Amino acid sequence: MHAAVNLLPSAPPPAGPAIDLRCRRLTPRHVHDLLTFLARLTASGDGRLFHPHAFTREAVEPLAAFGQGDEYHVLTSGRDGPVIAYGMLRGWKEGYTTPSLGIAVDGQWRGQGIGRRLVTHLHRIAAARGARTLRLKVYRSNTAALALYRSFGYEFRPFSEIEWLGSLNLAAAPTRMAA
């Protein structure tokens, strides 16, 4: 039997300038906290904008196993704090040379540079693994995400009536923030 997932909101961002943020690869020890994060995302309605895989233990546990080929990372508040953002680079496992980037940030932590920090982290991983370009899909209505991605230099073209397809040449991408 699986432990119940806590639907309580994450701890709000601390007051003041010092926020201890940690970007790290998803491991089995993060699975419960990631499921809690994904449950909050779903409860808030934001799961409609971010749905890379099922938000179940059965879907998440294999992603936390090393050697799967793709990159799944969490951003936590402090060493053992809650997951406040989740990001990935996918497609390598299937043989693509251009990975797809995806991120989600806890609603209480938005507007604090969390998304920028996670995207920067994922860009560095992609570059270190030899990716020359990245791709992503984003809903046209997700203006905050579009602004973030555009600030990194992503260029967009229509994918569907409701989504844009973004691409980024990593070598030409502006460096906006150190992670």
Protein backbone atom coordinates (compact mmCIF):
# COMPACT_ATOMS: atom_id res chain seq x y z
CA MET A 1 0.00 0.00 0.00
CA HIS A 2 1.29 3.45 -0.90
CA ALA A 3 1.55 6.31 1.55
CA ALA A 4 -1.11 8.97 1.21
CA VAL A 5 -0.08 12.08 -0.67
CA ASN A 6 -0.31 15.31 1.32
CA LEU A 7 -2.41 17.91 -0.50
CA LEU A 8 -1.45 20.72 1.85
CA PRO A 9 0.27 23.65 0.20
CA SER A 10 4.04 23.73 0.24
CA ALA A 11 5.71 25.99 2.73
CA PRO A 12 5.47 29.54 1.41
CA PRO A 13 8.65 31.22 0.26
CA PRO A 14 10.65 32.56 3.18
CA ALA A 15 10.69 36.30 3.73
CA GLY A 16 13.94 38.02 2.86
CA PRO A 17 16.52 37.58 0.14
CA ALA A 18 18.22 34.33 1.22
CA ILE A 19 16.53 31.26 -0.27
CA ASP A 20 18.54 28.03 -0.19
CA LEU A 21 17.61 26.30 -3.45
CA ARG A 22 18.94 22.92 -4.51
CA CYS A 23 18.69 21.50 -8.03
CA ARG A 24 19.28 17.77 -8.05
CA ARG A 25 18.62 14.67 -10.08
CA LEU A 26 15.43 12.85 -9.17
CA THR A 27 16.29 9.82 -7.05
CA PRO A 28 14.15 7.26 -5.22
CA ARG A 29 14.38 9.37 -2.05
CA HIS A 30 12.55 12.23 -3.84
CA VAL A 31 9.63 10.16 -5.17
CA HIS A 32 7.22 10.83 -2.30
CA ASP A 33 8.00 14.57 -2.28
CA LEU A 34 7.62 14.75 -6.06
CA LEU A 35 4.25 12.99 -5.86
CA THR A 36 3.18 15.51 -3.23
CA PHE A 37 4.28 18.34 -5.55
CA LEU A 38 2.40 16.80 -8.49
CA ALA A 39 -0.73 16.39 -6.35
CA ARG A 40 -0.57 20.11 -5.44
CA LEU A 41 -0.10 20.94 -9.12
CA THR A 42 -3.19 18.91 -10.02
CA ALA A 43 -5.29 20.30 -7.15
CA SER A 44 -4.48 23.86 -8.19
CA GLY A 45 -5.53 23.19 -11.78
CA ASP A 46 -2.00 23.71 -13.11
CA GLY A 47 -1.74 20.04 -14.06
CA ARG A 48 -3.68 20.95 -17.21
CA LEU A 49 -0.62 22.92 -18.39
CA PHE A 50 1.98 20.30 -17.46
CA HIS A 51 1.36 16.62 -18.15
CA PRO A 52 4.54 14.88 -19.32
CA HIS A 53 3.58 11.55 -17.71
CA ALA A 54 1.05 10.11 -15.28
CA PHE A 55 1.32 11.61 -11.82
CA THR A 56 1.38 8.21 -10.12
CA ARG A 57 3.97 6.30 -8.12
CA GLU A 58 4.06 3.65 -10.86
CA ALA A 59 5.01 6.30 -13.43
CA VAL A 60 7.43 8.28 -11.25
CA GLU A 61 9.48 5.50 -9.63
CA PRO A 62 11.10 4.34 -12.91
CA LEU A 63 12.06 7.95 -13.69
CA ALA A 64 13.98 8.09 -10.42
CA ALA A 65 16.11 5.09 -11.41
CA PHE A 66 19.51 6.00 -12.85
CA GLY A 67 20.38 4.83 -16.32
CA GLN A 68 17.04 5.58 -17.92
CA GLY A 69 18.70 7.87 -20.48
CA ASP A 70 16.62 10.98 -19.85
CA GLU A 71 17.12 13.61 -17.15
CA TYR A 72 14.55 14.26 -14.39
CA HIS A 73 15.40 16.88 -11.77
CA VAL A 74 13.77 18.47 -8.75
CA LEU A 75 14.41 21.83 -7.18
CA THR A 76 13.99 21.86 -3.42
CA SER A 77 13.90 24.55 -0.81
CA GLY A 78 16.84 23.66 1.37
CA ARG A 79 18.60 20.36 1.75
CA ASP A 80 15.56 18.36 2.83
CA GLY A 81 12.86 20.87 1.96
CA PRO A 82 9.84 20.27 -0.22
CA VAL A 83 9.99 19.92 -4.00
CA ILE A 84 9.05 23.34 -5.34
CA ALA A 85 9.82 22.74 -9.02
CA TYR A 86 10.26 19.78 -11.33
CA GLY A 87 11.98 19.66 -14.70
CA MET A 88 13.09 17.25 -17.34
CA LEU A 89 14.98 16.70 -20.54
CA ARG A 90 13.38 13.81 -22.43
CA GLY A 91 13.82 12.04 -25.72
CA TRP A 92 17.36 10.71 -25.45
CA LYS A 93 16.02 7.36 -24.25
CA GLU A 94 14.05 7.07 -27.49
CA GLY A 95 17.10 7.99 -29.58
CA TYR A 96 16.39 11.66 -30.33
CA THR A 97 19.38 14.01 -30.44
CA THR A 98 17.24 17.02 -29.54
CA PRO A 99 15.73 16.60 -26.08
CA SER A 100 12.42 18.10 -25.01
CA LEU A 101 12.49 20.39 -21.98
CA GLY A 102 9.61 20.65 -19.53
CA ILE A 103 9.25 22.36 -16.16
CA ALA A 104 6.61 23.09 -13.53
CA VAL A 105 6.92 25.44 -10.56
CA ASP A 106 4.78 25.39 -7.41
CA GLY A 107 2.29 28.25 -7.60
CA GLN A 108 3.41 29.72 -4.25
CA TRP A 109 6.97 30.02 -5.52
CA ARG A 110 6.33 31.64 -8.90
CA GLY A 111 7.76 35.06 -9.63
CA GLN A 112 10.89 34.36 -7.56
CA GLY A 113 13.25 33.17 -10.30
CA ILE A 114 12.63 29.48 -9.59
CA GLY A 115 11.73 28.66 -13.20
CA ARG A 116 14.76 30.58 -14.47
CA ARG A 117 17.02 28.70 -12.09
CA LEU A 118 15.66 25.31 -13.15
CA VAL A 119 15.79 26.09 -16.88
CA THR A 120 19.39 27.29 -16.53
CA HIS A 121 20.25 24.08 -14.69
CA LEU A 122 18.64 21.95 -17.40
CA HIS A 123 20.35 23.92 -20.18
CA ARG A 124 23.73 23.19 -18.58
CA ILE A 125 22.94 19.48 -18.37
CA ALA A 126 21.81 19.39 -22.00
CA ALA A 127 24.97 21.18 -23.15
CA ALA A 128 27.17 18.86 -21.06
CA ARG A 129 25.48 15.87 -22.69
CA GLY A 130 26.21 17.30 -26.14
CA ALA A 131 22.79 18.61 -27.14
CA ARG A 132 22.98 21.42 -29.66
CA THR A 133 19.31 22.31 -29.61
CA LEU A 134 16.35 21.93 -27.29
CA ARG A 135 12.65 21.82 -27.98
CA LEU A 136 9.53 22.29 -25.90
CA LYS A 137 5.80 22.66 -26.23
CA VAL A 138 3.91 25.32 -24.31
CA TYR A 139 0.27 26.31 -24.22
CA ARG A 140 -0.39 29.62 -25.93
CA SER A 141 -2.35 30.73 -22.85
CA ASN A 142 0.66 30.17 -20.56
CA THR A 143 2.03 33.69 -20.94
CA ALA A 144 4.38 33.50 -17.94
CA ALA A 145 6.10 30.40 -19.34
CA LEU A 146 6.29 31.95 -22.81
CA ALA A 147 7.96 35.04 -21.38
CA LEU A 148 10.47 32.91 -19.47
CA TYR A 149 11.37 30.81 -22.49
CA ARG A 150 11.62 33.84 -24.77
CA SER A 151 14.03 35.44 -22.29
CA PHE A 152 16.35 32.49 -22.94
CA GLY A 153 16.08 32.92 -26.70
CA TYR A 154 13.53 30.23 -27.58
CA GLU A 155 11.84 30.81 -30.92
CA PHE A 156 8.25 29.65 -31.40
CA ARG A 157 6.11 28.40 -34.23
CA PRO A 158 2.57 27.04 -34.18
CA PHE A 159 2.23 23.41 -33.12
CA SER A 160 -1.55 23.28 -32.77
CA GLU A 161 -4.41 25.68 -32.18
CA ILE A 162 -3.55 25.74 -28.48
CA GLU A 163 0.22 25.09 -28.33
CA TRP A 164 3.47 26.59 -29.55
CA LEU A 165 6.55 24.54 -30.41
CA GLY A 166 9.69 26.21 -29.13
CA SER A 167 13.28 25.60 -30.14
CA LEU A 168 16.57 26.88 -28.83
CA ASN A 169 20.05 26.72 -30.30
CA LEU A 170 22.10 26.20 -27.14
CA ALA A 171 25.30 27.61 -28.65
CA ALA A 172 23.53 30.87 -29.53
CA ALA A 173 21.42 31.04 -26.35
CA PRO A 174 21.98 34.08 -24.16
CA THR A 175 23.17 33.39 -20.65
CA ARG A 176 20.72 35.15 -18.38
CA MET A 177 21.49 33.84 -14.91
CA ALA A 178 23.96 31.60 -13.16
CA ALA A 179 22.34 28.71 -11.34
